[in-house]
PDB file of N, CA and C in Angstrom:
ATOM      1  N   MET A   1       0.847  -1.183   0.000  1.00  0.00           N
ATOM      2  CA  MET A   1       0.000   0.000   0.000  1.00  0.00           C
ATOM      3  C   MET A   1       0.890   1.242   0.000  1.00  0.00           C
ATOM      4  N   PRO A   2       0.636   2.196  -0.908  1.00  0.00           N
ATOM      5  CA  PRO A   2       1.486   3.381  -0.974  1.00  0.00           C
ATOM      6  C   PRO A   2       1.277   4.282   0.241  1.00  0.00           C
ATOM      7  N   SER A   3       2.353   4.976   0.627  1.00  0.00           N
ATOM      8  CA  SER A   3       2.245   5.920   1.737  1.00  0.00           C
ATOM      9  C   SER A   3       1.465   7.145   1.278  1.00  0.00           C
ATOM     10  N   HIS A   4       1.077   7.967   2.251  1.00  0.00           N
ATOM     11  CA  HIS A   4       0.340   9.183   1.933  1.00  0.00           C
ATOM     12  C   HIS A   4       1.180  10.085   1.020  1.00  0.00           C
ATOM     13  N   ALA A   5       2.477  10.187   1.301  1.00  0.00           N
ATOM     14  CA  ALA A   5       3.366  11.029   0.485  1.00  0.00           C
ATOM     15  C   ALA A   5       3.462  10.484  -0.942  1.00  0.00           C
ATOM     16  N   ASP A   6       3.558   9.156  -1.058  1.00  0.00           N
ATOM     17  CA  ASP A   6       3.637   8.545  -2.386  1.00  0.00           C
ATOM     18  C   ASP A   6       2.329   8.736  -3.150  1.00  0.00           C
ATOM     19  N   GLU A   7       1.209   8.620  -2.445  1.00  0.00           N
ATOM     20  CA  GLU A   7      -0.089   8.833  -3.077  1.00  0.00           C
ATOM     21  C   GLU A   7      -0.205  10.276  -3.565  1.00  0.00           C
ATOM     22  N   ARG A   8       0.231  11.224  -2.746  1.00  0.00           N
ATOM     23  CA  ARG A   8       0.191  12.645  -3.117  1.00  0.00           C
ATOM     24  C   ARG A   8       1.051  12.896  -4.350  1.00  0.00           C
ATOM     25  N   ARG A   9       2.270  12.300  -4.382  1.00  0.00           N
ATOM     26  CA  ARG A   9       3.172  12.469  -5.517  1.00  0.00           C
ATOM     27  C   ARG A   9       2.542  11.912  -6.791  1.00  0.00           C
ATOM     28  N   LEU A  10       1.931  10.750  -6.679  1.00  0.00           N
ATOM     29  CA  LEU A  10       1.279  10.126  -7.820  1.00  0.00           C
ATOM     30  C   LEU A  10       0.117  10.993  -8.313  1.00  0.00           C
ATOM     31  N   LEU A  11      -0.689  11.493  -7.390  1.00  0.00           N
ATOM     32  CA  LEU A  11      -1.792  12.380  -7.774  1.00  0.00           C
ATOM     33  C   LEU A  11      -1.270  13.649  -8.441  1.00  0.00           C
ATOM     34  N   ASP A  12      -0.178  14.204  -7.927  1.00  0.00           N
ATOM     35  CA  ASP A  12       0.397  15.409  -8.533  1.00  0.00           C
ATOM     36  C   ASP A  12       0.891  15.136  -9.945  1.00  0.00           C
ATOM     37  N   GLU A  13       1.562  14.004 -10.137  1.00  0.00           N
ATOM     38  CA  GLU A  13       2.025  13.637 -11.481  1.00  0.00           C
ATOM     39  C   GLU A  13       0.843  13.453 -12.425  1.00  0.00           C
ATOM     40  N   LEU A  14      -0.191  12.828 -11.930  1.00  0.00           N
ATOM     41  CA  LEU A  14      -1.390  12.595 -12.741  1.00  0.00           C
ATOM     42  C   LEU A  14      -2.077  13.913 -13.084  1.00  0.00           C
ATOM     43  N   ARG A  15      -2.146  14.828 -12.139  1.00  0.00           N
ATOM     44  CA  ARG A  15      -2.737  16.149 -12.389  1.00  0.00           C
ATOM     45  C   ARG A  15      -1.960  16.871 -13.495  1.00  0.00           C
ATOM     46  N   GLU A  16      -0.627  16.812 -13.431  1.00  0.00           N
ATOM     47  CA  GLU A  16       0.200  17.452 -14.445  1.00  0.00           C
ATOM     48  C   GLU A  16      -0.001  16.802 -15.809  1.00  0.00           C
ATOM     49  N   LEU A  17      -0.106  15.490 -15.829  1.00  0.00           N
ATOM     50  CA  LEU A  17      -0.330  14.779 -17.085  1.00  0.00           C
ATOM     51  C   LEU A  17      -1.682  15.143 -17.684  1.00  0.00           C
ATOM     52  N   LEU A  18      -2.699  15.222 -16.854  1.00  0.00           N
ATOM     53  CA  LEU A  18      -4.027  15.623 -17.324  1.00  0.00           C
ATOM     54  C   LEU A  18      -3.991  17.019 -17.933  1.00  0.00           C
ATOM     55  N   ALA A  19      -3.348  17.957 -17.237  1.00  0.00           N
ATOM     56  CA  ALA A  19      -3.279  19.326 -17.734  1.00  0.00           C
ATOM     57  C   ALA A  19      -2.506  19.407 -19.046  1.00  0.00           C
ATOM     58  N   ALA A  20      -1.491  18.565 -19.193  1.00  0.00           N
ATOM     59  CA  ALA A  20      -0.703  18.566 -20.421  1.00  0.00           C
ATOM     60  C   ALA A  20      -1.435  17.885 -21.570  1.00  0.00           C
ATOM     61  N   THR A  21      -2.320  16.961 -21.253  1.00  0.00           N
ATOM     62  CA  THR A  21      -2.999  16.155 -22.268  1.00  0.00           C
ATOM     63  C   THR A  21      -4.330  16.738 -22.705  1.00  0.00           C
ATOM     64  N   VAL A  22      -5.077  17.296 -21.774  1.00  0.00           N
ATOM     65  CA  VAL A  22      -6.428  17.786 -22.058  1.00  0.00           C
ATOM     66  C   VAL A  22      -6.380  19.288 -22.337  1.00  0.00           C
ATOM     67  N   GLU A  23      -6.871  19.654 -23.494  1.00  0.00           N
ATOM     68  CA  GLU A  23      -6.863  21.060 -23.909  1.00  0.00           C
ATOM     69  C   GLU A  23      -7.670  21.931 -22.945  1.00  0.00           C
ATOM     70  N   ASP A  24      -7.151  23.126 -22.667  1.00  0.00           N
ATOM     71  CA  ASP A  24      -7.816  24.118 -21.811  1.00  0.00           C
ATOM     72  C   ASP A  24      -8.024  23.649 -20.375  1.00  0.00           C
ATOM     73  N   LEU A  25      -7.151  22.781 -19.893  1.00  0.00           N
ATOM     74  CA  LEU A  25      -7.255  22.301 -18.512  1.00  0.00           C
ATOM     75  C   LEU A  25      -5.969  22.669 -17.789  1.00  0.00           C
ATOM     76  N   THR A  26      -6.095  23.222 -16.580  1.00  0.00           N
ATOM     77  CA  THR A  26      -4.918  23.574 -15.793  1.00  0.00           C
ATOM     78  C   THR A  26      -4.785  22.622 -14.615  1.00  0.00           C
ATOM     79  N   VAL A  27      -3.583  22.524 -14.095  1.00  0.00           N
ATOM     80  CA  VAL A  27      -3.315  21.664 -12.941  1.00  0.00           C
ATOM     81  C   VAL A  27      -4.222  22.047 -11.774  1.00  0.00           C
ATOM     82  N   GLU A  28      -4.426  23.352 -11.588  1.00  0.00           N
ATOM     83  CA  GLU A  28      -5.233  23.830 -10.471  1.00  0.00           C
ATOM     84  C   GLU A  28      -6.682  23.353 -10.540  1.00  0.00           C
ATOM     85  N   GLU A  29      -7.173  23.075 -11.733  1.00  0.00           N
ATOM     86  CA  GLU A  29      -8.560  22.628 -11.899  1.00  0.00           C
ATOM     87  C   GLU A  29      -8.752  21.155 -11.546  1.00  0.00           C
ATOM     88  N   VAL A  30      -7.665  20.408 -11.512  1.00  0.00           N
ATOM     89  CA  VAL A  30      -7.735  18.959 -11.318  1.00  0.00           C
ATOM     90  C   VAL A  30      -7.638  18.624  -9.829  1.00  0.00           C
ATOM     91  N   GLU A  31      -8.720  18.094  -9.288  1.00  0.00           N
ATOM     92  CA  GLU A  31      -8.771  17.656  -7.892  1.00  0.00           C
ATOM     93  C   GLU A  31      -8.839  16.128  -7.871  1.00  0.00           C
ATOM     94  N   PRO A  32      -8.410  15.499  -6.773  1.00  0.00           N
ATOM     95  CA  PRO A  32      -8.442  14.032  -6.717  1.00  0.00           C
ATOM     96  C   PRO A  32      -9.814  13.420  -7.009  1.00  0.00           C
ATOM     97  N   ASP A  33     -10.876  14.067  -6.552  1.00  0.00           N
ATOM     98  CA  ASP A  33     -12.205  13.496  -6.761  1.00  0.00           C
ATOM     99  C   ASP A  33     -12.927  14.081  -7.970  1.00  0.00           C
ATOM    100  N   SER A  34     -12.194  14.799  -8.817  1.00  0.00           N
ATOM    101  CA  SER A  34     -12.796  15.351 -10.027  1.00  0.00           C
ATOM    102  C   SER A  34     -13.243  14.231 -10.956  1.00  0.00           C
ATOM    103  N   SER A  35     -14.458  14.384 -11.480  1.00  0.00           N
ATOM    104  CA  SER A  35     -14.946  13.475 -12.508  1.00  0.00           C
ATOM    105  C   SER A  35     -14.321  13.911 -13.824  1.00  0.00           C
ATOM    106  N   LEU A  36     -13.734  12.972 -14.541  1.00  0.00           N
ATOM    107  CA  LEU A  36     -13.096  13.316 -15.803  1.00  0.00           C
ATOM    108  C   LEU A  36     -14.079  13.982 -16.757  1.00  0.00           C
ATOM    109  N   LYS A  37     -15.253  13.398 -16.886  1.00  0.00           N
ATOM    110  CA  LYS A  37     -16.245  13.893 -17.840  1.00  0.00           C
ATOM    111  C   LYS A  37     -16.984  15.115 -17.295  1.00  0.00           C
ATOM    112  N   ASP A  38     -17.567  14.992 -16.117  1.00  0.00           N
ATOM    113  CA  ASP A  38     -18.450  16.036 -15.594  1.00  0.00           C
ATOM    114  C   ASP A  38     -17.711  17.275 -15.088  1.00  0.00           C
ATOM    115  N   ASP A  39     -16.595  17.083 -14.388  1.00  0.00           N
ATOM    116  CA  ASP A  39     -15.883  18.212 -13.796  1.00  0.00           C
ATOM    117  C   ASP A  39     -14.793  18.783 -14.703  1.00  0.00           C
ATOM    118  N   LEU A  40     -14.129  17.903 -15.448  1.00  0.00           N
ATOM    119  CA  LEU A  40     -12.979  18.334 -16.234  1.00  0.00           C
ATOM    120  C   LEU A  40     -13.265  18.424 -17.729  1.00  0.00           C
ATOM    121  N   GLY A  41     -14.437  17.979 -18.159  1.00  0.00           N
ATOM    122  CA  GLY A  41     -14.806  18.084 -19.568  1.00  0.00           C
ATOM    123  C   GLY A  41     -14.007  17.193 -20.501  1.00  0.00           C
ATOM    124  N   VAL A  42     -13.541  16.058 -20.000  1.00  0.00           N
ATOM    125  CA  VAL A  42     -12.771  15.133 -20.820  1.00  0.00           C
ATOM    126  C   VAL A  42     -13.740  14.346 -21.702  1.00  0.00           C
ATOM    127  N   ASP A  43     -13.639  14.568 -23.020  1.00  0.00           N
ATOM    128  CA  ASP A  43     -14.503  13.834 -23.942  1.00  0.00           C
ATOM    129  C   ASP A  43     -13.835  12.511 -24.325  1.00  0.00           C
ATOM    130  N   SER A  44     -14.485  11.735 -25.169  1.00  0.00           N
ATOM    131  CA  SER A  44     -13.979  10.397 -25.484  1.00  0.00           C
ATOM    132  C   SER A  44     -12.615  10.439 -26.178  1.00  0.00           C
ATOM    133  N   LEU A  45     -12.395  11.401 -27.060  1.00  0.00           N
ATOM    134  CA  LEU A  45     -11.102  11.502 -27.730  1.00  0.00           C
ATOM    135  C   LEU A  45     -10.012  11.900 -26.735  1.00  0.00           C
ATOM    136  N   ALA A  46     -10.297  12.878 -25.885  1.00  0.00           N
ATOM    137  CA  ALA A  46      -9.325  13.297 -24.876  1.00  0.00           C
ATOM    138  C   ALA A  46      -9.034  12.150 -23.909  1.00  0.00           C
ATOM    139  N   PHE A  47     -10.041  11.342 -23.604  1.00  0.00           N
ATOM    140  CA  PHE A  47      -9.840  10.209 -22.702  1.00  0.00           C
ATOM    141  C   PHE A  47      -8.887   9.186 -23.330  1.00  0.00           C
ATOM    142  N   LEU A  48      -9.057   8.918 -24.625  1.00  0.00           N
ATOM    143  CA  LEU A  48      -8.153   7.998 -25.321  1.00  0.00           C
ATOM    144  C   LEU A  48      -6.724   8.532 -25.305  1.00  0.00           C
ATOM    145  N   GLU A  49      -6.574   9.838 -25.511  1.00  0.00           N
ATOM    146  CA  GLU A  49      -5.245  10.450 -25.467  1.00  0.00           C
ATOM    147  C   GLU A  49      -4.653  10.351 -24.064  1.00  0.00           C
ATOM    148  N   LEU A  50      -5.498  10.537 -23.059  1.00  0.00           N
ATOM    149  CA  LEU A  50      -5.046  10.435 -21.677  1.00  0.00           C
ATOM    150  C   LEU A  50      -4.575   9.015 -21.362  1.00  0.00           C
ATOM    151  N   VAL A  51      -5.352   8.027 -21.753  1.00  0.00           N
ATOM    152  CA  VAL A  51      -4.967   6.628 -21.506  1.00  0.00           C
ATOM    153  C   VAL A  51      -3.637   6.326 -22.199  1.00  0.00           C
ATOM    154  N   ALA A  52      -3.471   6.797 -23.424  1.00  0.00           N
ATOM    155  CA  ALA A  52      -2.211   6.581 -24.149  1.00  0.00           C
ATOM    156  C   ALA A  52      -1.047   7.255 -23.420  1.00  0.00           C
ATOM    157  N   ALA A  53      -1.269   8.457 -22.902  1.00  0.00           N
ATOM    158  CA  ALA A  53      -0.222   9.172 -22.165  1.00  0.00           C
ATOM    159  C   ALA A  53       0.126   8.446 -20.871  1.00  0.00           C
ATOM    160  N   ILE A  54      -0.886   7.912 -20.185  1.00  0.00           N
ATOM    161  CA  ILE A  54      -0.657   7.145 -18.959  1.00  0.00           C
ATOM    162  C   ILE A  54       0.151   5.888 -19.267  1.00  0.00           C
ATOM    163  N   GLU A  55      -0.236   5.180 -20.320  1.00  0.00           N
ATOM    164  CA  GLU A  55       0.480   3.961 -20.698  1.00  0.00           C
ATOM    165  C   GLU A  55       1.940   4.273 -21.024  1.00  0.00           C
ATOM    166  N   ASP A  56       2.159   5.383 -21.716  1.00  0.00           N
ATOM    167  CA  ASP A  56       3.514   5.771 -22.088  1.00  0.00           C
ATOM    168  C   ASP A  56       4.317   6.201 -20.862  1.00  0.00           C
ATOM    169  N   ARG A  57       3.730   7.025 -20.020  1.00  0.00           N
ATOM    170  CA  ARG A  57       4.434   7.565 -18.851  1.00  0.00           C
ATOM    171  C   ARG A  57       4.800   6.479 -17.841  1.00  0.00           C
ATOM    172  N   TRP A  58       3.878   5.566 -17.566  1.00  0.00           N
ATOM    173  CA  TRP A  58       4.119   4.548 -16.540  1.00  0.00           C
ATOM    174  C   TRP A  58       4.443   3.173 -17.120  1.00  0.00           C
ATOM    175  N   GLN A  59       4.564   3.073 -18.439  1.00  0.00           N
ATOM    176  CA  GLN A  59       4.941   1.816 -19.098  1.00  0.00           C
ATOM    177  C   GLN A  59       4.045   0.656 -18.688  1.00  0.00           C
ATOM    178  N   ILE A  60       2.730   0.895 -18.758  1.00  0.00           N
ATOM    179  CA  ILE A  60       1.749  -0.147 -18.453  1.00  0.00           C
ATOM    180  C   ILE A  60       0.748  -0.219 -19.589  1.00  0.00           C
ATOM    181  N   GLN A  61      -0.048  -1.252 -19.593  1.00  0.00           N
ATOM    182  CA  GLN A  61      -1.161  -1.386 -20.519  1.00  0.00           C
ATOM    183  C   GLN A  61      -2.439  -1.222 -19.709  1.00  0.00           C
ATOM    184  N   VAL A  62      -3.356  -0.420 -20.224  1.00  0.00           N
ATOM    185  CA  VAL A  62      -4.651  -0.237 -19.576  1.00  0.00           C
ATOM    186  C   VAL A  62      -5.699  -0.825 -20.514  1.00  0.00           C
ATOM    187  N   PRO A  63      -6.156  -2.042 -20.231  1.00  0.00           N
ATOM    188  CA  PRO A  63      -7.169  -2.654 -21.088  1.00  0.00           C
ATOM    189  C   PRO A  63      -8.413  -1.777 -21.203  1.00  0.00           C
ATOM    190  N   GLU A  64      -9.034  -1.796 -22.365  1.00  0.00           N
ATOM    191  CA  GLU A  64     -10.191  -0.949 -22.641  1.00  0.00           C
ATOM    192  C   GLU A  64     -11.293  -1.100 -21.597  1.00  0.00           C
ATOM    193  N   GLU A  65     -11.567  -2.347 -21.191  1.00  0.00           N
ATOM    194  CA  GLU A  65     -12.638  -2.569 -20.213  1.00  0.00           C
ATOM    195  C   GLU A  65     -12.292  -1.980 -18.845  1.00  0.00           C
ATOM    196  N   GLU A  66     -10.994  -1.979 -18.480  1.00  0.00           N
ATOM    197  CA  GLU A  66     -10.574  -1.358 -17.226  1.00  0.00           C
ATOM    198  C   GLU A  66     -10.609   0.165 -17.352  1.00  0.00           C
ATOM    199  N   ALA A  67     -10.163   0.678 -18.475  1.00  0.00           N
ATOM    200  CA  ALA A  67     -10.148   2.130 -18.695  1.00  0.00           C
ATOM    201  C   ALA A  67     -11.557   2.707 -18.582  1.00  0.00           C
ATOM    202  N   ALA A  68     -12.537   1.979 -19.070  1.00  0.00           N
ATOM    203  CA  ALA A  68     -13.926   2.456 -19.041  1.00  0.00           C
ATOM    204  C   ALA A  68     -14.429   2.652 -17.610  1.00  0.00           C
ATOM    205  N   GLN A  69     -13.827   1.958 -16.645  1.00  0.00           N
ATOM    206  CA  GLN A  69     -14.244   2.056 -15.243  1.00  0.00           C
ATOM    207  C   GLN A  69     -13.576   3.220 -14.513  1.00  0.00           C
ATOM    208  N   LEU A  70     -12.596   3.850 -15.142  1.00  0.00           N
ATOM    209  CA  LEU A  70     -11.846   4.927 -14.504  1.00  0.00           C
ATOM    210  C   LEU A  70     -12.517   6.260 -14.816  1.00  0.00           C
ATOM    211  N   THR A  71     -13.291   6.762 -13.862  1.00  0.00           N
ATOM    212  CA  THR A  71     -14.057   7.973 -14.122  1.00  0.00           C
ATOM    213  C   THR A  71     -13.611   9.175 -13.297  1.00  0.00           C
ATOM    214  N   THR A  72     -12.753   8.954 -12.282  1.00  0.00           N
ATOM    215  CA  THR A  72     -12.246  10.074 -11.488  1.00  0.00           C
ATOM    216  C   THR A  72     -10.721  10.014 -11.444  1.00  0.00           C
ATOM    217  N   VAL A  73     -10.121  11.130 -11.080  1.00  0.00           N
ATOM    218  CA  VAL A  73      -8.668  11.208 -10.973  1.00  0.00           C
ATOM    219  C   VAL A  73      -8.177  10.217  -9.921  1.00  0.00           C
ATOM    220  N   ARG A  74      -8.860  10.125  -8.794  1.00  0.00           N
ATOM    221  CA  ARG A  74      -8.458   9.203  -7.727  1.00  0.00           C
ATOM    222  C   ARG A  74      -8.520   7.741  -8.191  1.00  0.00           C
ATOM    223  N   GLN A  75      -9.528   7.386  -8.991  1.00  0.00           N
ATOM    224  CA  GLN A  75      -9.627   6.011  -9.511  1.00  0.00           C
ATOM    225  C   GLN A  75      -8.440   5.694 -10.419  1.00  0.00           C
ATOM    226  N   ILE A  76      -8.031   6.660 -11.223  1.00  0.00           N
ATOM    227  CA  ILE A  76      -6.868   6.438 -12.084  1.00  0.00           C
ATOM    228  C   ILE A  76      -5.624   6.229 -11.223  1.00  0.00           C
ATOM    229  N   ALA A  77      -5.451   7.055 -10.196  1.00  0.00           N
ATOM    230  CA  ALA A  77      -4.295   6.921  -9.308  1.00  0.00           C
ATOM    231  C   ALA A  77      -4.286   5.557  -8.625  1.00  0.00           C
ATOM    232  N   ALA A  78      -5.443   5.097  -8.167  1.00  0.00           N
ATOM    233  CA  ALA A  78      -5.530   3.785  -7.525  1.00  0.00           C
ATOM    234  C   ALA A  78      -5.184   2.678  -8.514  1.00  0.00           C
ATOM    235  N   HIS A  79      -5.661   2.826  -9.747  1.00  0.00           N
ATOM    236  CA  HIS A  79      -5.348   1.834 -10.783  1.00  0.00           C
ATOM    237  C   HIS A  79      -3.837   1.809 -11.040  1.00  0.00           C
ATOM    238  N   LEU A  80      -3.221   2.986 -11.112  1.00  0.00           N
ATOM    239  CA  LEU A  80      -1.777   3.059 -11.326  1.00  0.00           C
ATOM    240  C   LEU A  80      -1.020   2.424 -10.171  1.00  0.00           C
ATOM    241  N   ALA A  81      -1.455   2.690  -8.948  1.00  0.00           N
ATOM    242  CA  ALA A  81      -0.786   2.116  -7.781  1.00  0.00           C
ATOM    243  C   ALA A  81      -0.839   0.589  -7.810  1.00  0.00           C
ATOM    244  N   ALA A  82      -1.948   0.043  -8.311  1.00  0.00           N
ATOM    245  CA  ALA A  82      -2.093  -1.410  -8.388  1.00  0.00           C
ATOM    246  C   ALA A  82      -1.363  -1.991  -9.594  1.00  0.00           C
ATOM    247  N   ALA A  83      -1.427  -1.294 -10.723  1.00  0.00           N
ATOM    248  CA  ALA A  83      -0.863  -1.819 -11.973  1.00  0.00           C
ATOM    249  C   ALA A  83       0.637  -1.601 -12.075  1.00  0.00           C
ATOM    250  N   ALA A  84       1.107  -0.527 -11.483  1.00  0.00           N
ATOM    251  CA  ALA A  84       2.533  -0.188 -11.556  1.00  0.00           C
ATOM    252  C   ALA A  84       3.004   0.245 -10.173  1.00  0.00           C
ATOM    253  N   PRO A  85       3.248  -0.712  -9.280  1.00  0.00           N
ATOM    254  CA  PRO A  85       3.621  -0.362  -7.900  1.00  0.00           C
ATOM    255  C   PRO A  85       4.771   0.636  -7.807  1.00  0.00           C
ATOM    256  N   ALA A  86       5.715   0.622  -8.745  1.00  0.00           N
ATOM    257  CA  ALA A  86       6.814   1.578  -8.720  1.00  0.00           C
ATOM    258  C   ALA A  86       6.313   3.004  -8.885  1.00  0.00           C
ATOM    259  N   ALA A  87       5.189   3.175  -9.568  1.00  0.00           N
ATOM    260  CA  ALA A  87       4.598   4.509  -9.757  1.00  0.00           C
ATOM    261  C   ALA A  87       4.168   5.087  -8.423  1.00  0.00           C
ATOM    262  N   ALA A  88       3.782   4.243  -7.494  1.00  0.00           N
ATOM    263  CA  ALA A  88       3.319   4.687  -6.189  1.00  0.00           C
ATOM    264  C   ALA A  88       4.433   4.669  -5.157  1.00  0.00           C
ATOM    265  N   GLY A  89       5.670   4.502  -5.621  1.00  0.00           N
ATOM    266  CA  GLY A  89       6.799   4.554  -4.704  1.00  0.00           C
ATOM    267  C   GLY A  89       7.134   3.227  -4.051  1.00  0.00           C
ATOM    268  N   GLU A  90       6.483   2.168  -4.468  1.00  0.00           N
ATOM    269  CA  GLU A  90       6.748   0.855  -3.871  1.00  0.00           C
ATOM    270  C   GLU A  90       7.842   0.143  -4.652  1.00  0.00           C
ATOM    271  N   ALA A  91       8.575  -0.698  -3.984  1.00  0.00           N
ATOM    272  CA  ALA A  91       9.580  -1.504  -4.665  1.00  0.00           C
ATOM    273  C   ALA A  91       8.867  -2.562  -5.509  1.00  0.00           C
ATOM    274  N   PRO A  92       9.407  -2.809  -6.690  1.00  0.00           N
ATOM    275  CA  PRO A  92       8.756  -3.826  -7.538  1.00  0.00           C
ATOM    276  C   PRO A  92       8.802  -5.206  -6.955  1.00  0.00           C
TER     277      PRO A  92
END
């Protein structure tokens, strides 16, 4: 289980990635419990770009059926912590 500091770091990295990937979105707008669609305006194309950026950044594969279940920033962070323990500061 990642520490609070590791979770915060992962959320911060994810916030930066979202802001870099989604047009007209700033880091300040991205909160852990933000809904990608409702709060951040992430449409289906932006979501595909985000998943591709996540896969590239953390060197993981996010199956389509799993990606469809990721609707908030915190859910993505939890998925990353489980799929890529090194992303959450854990030893492999």
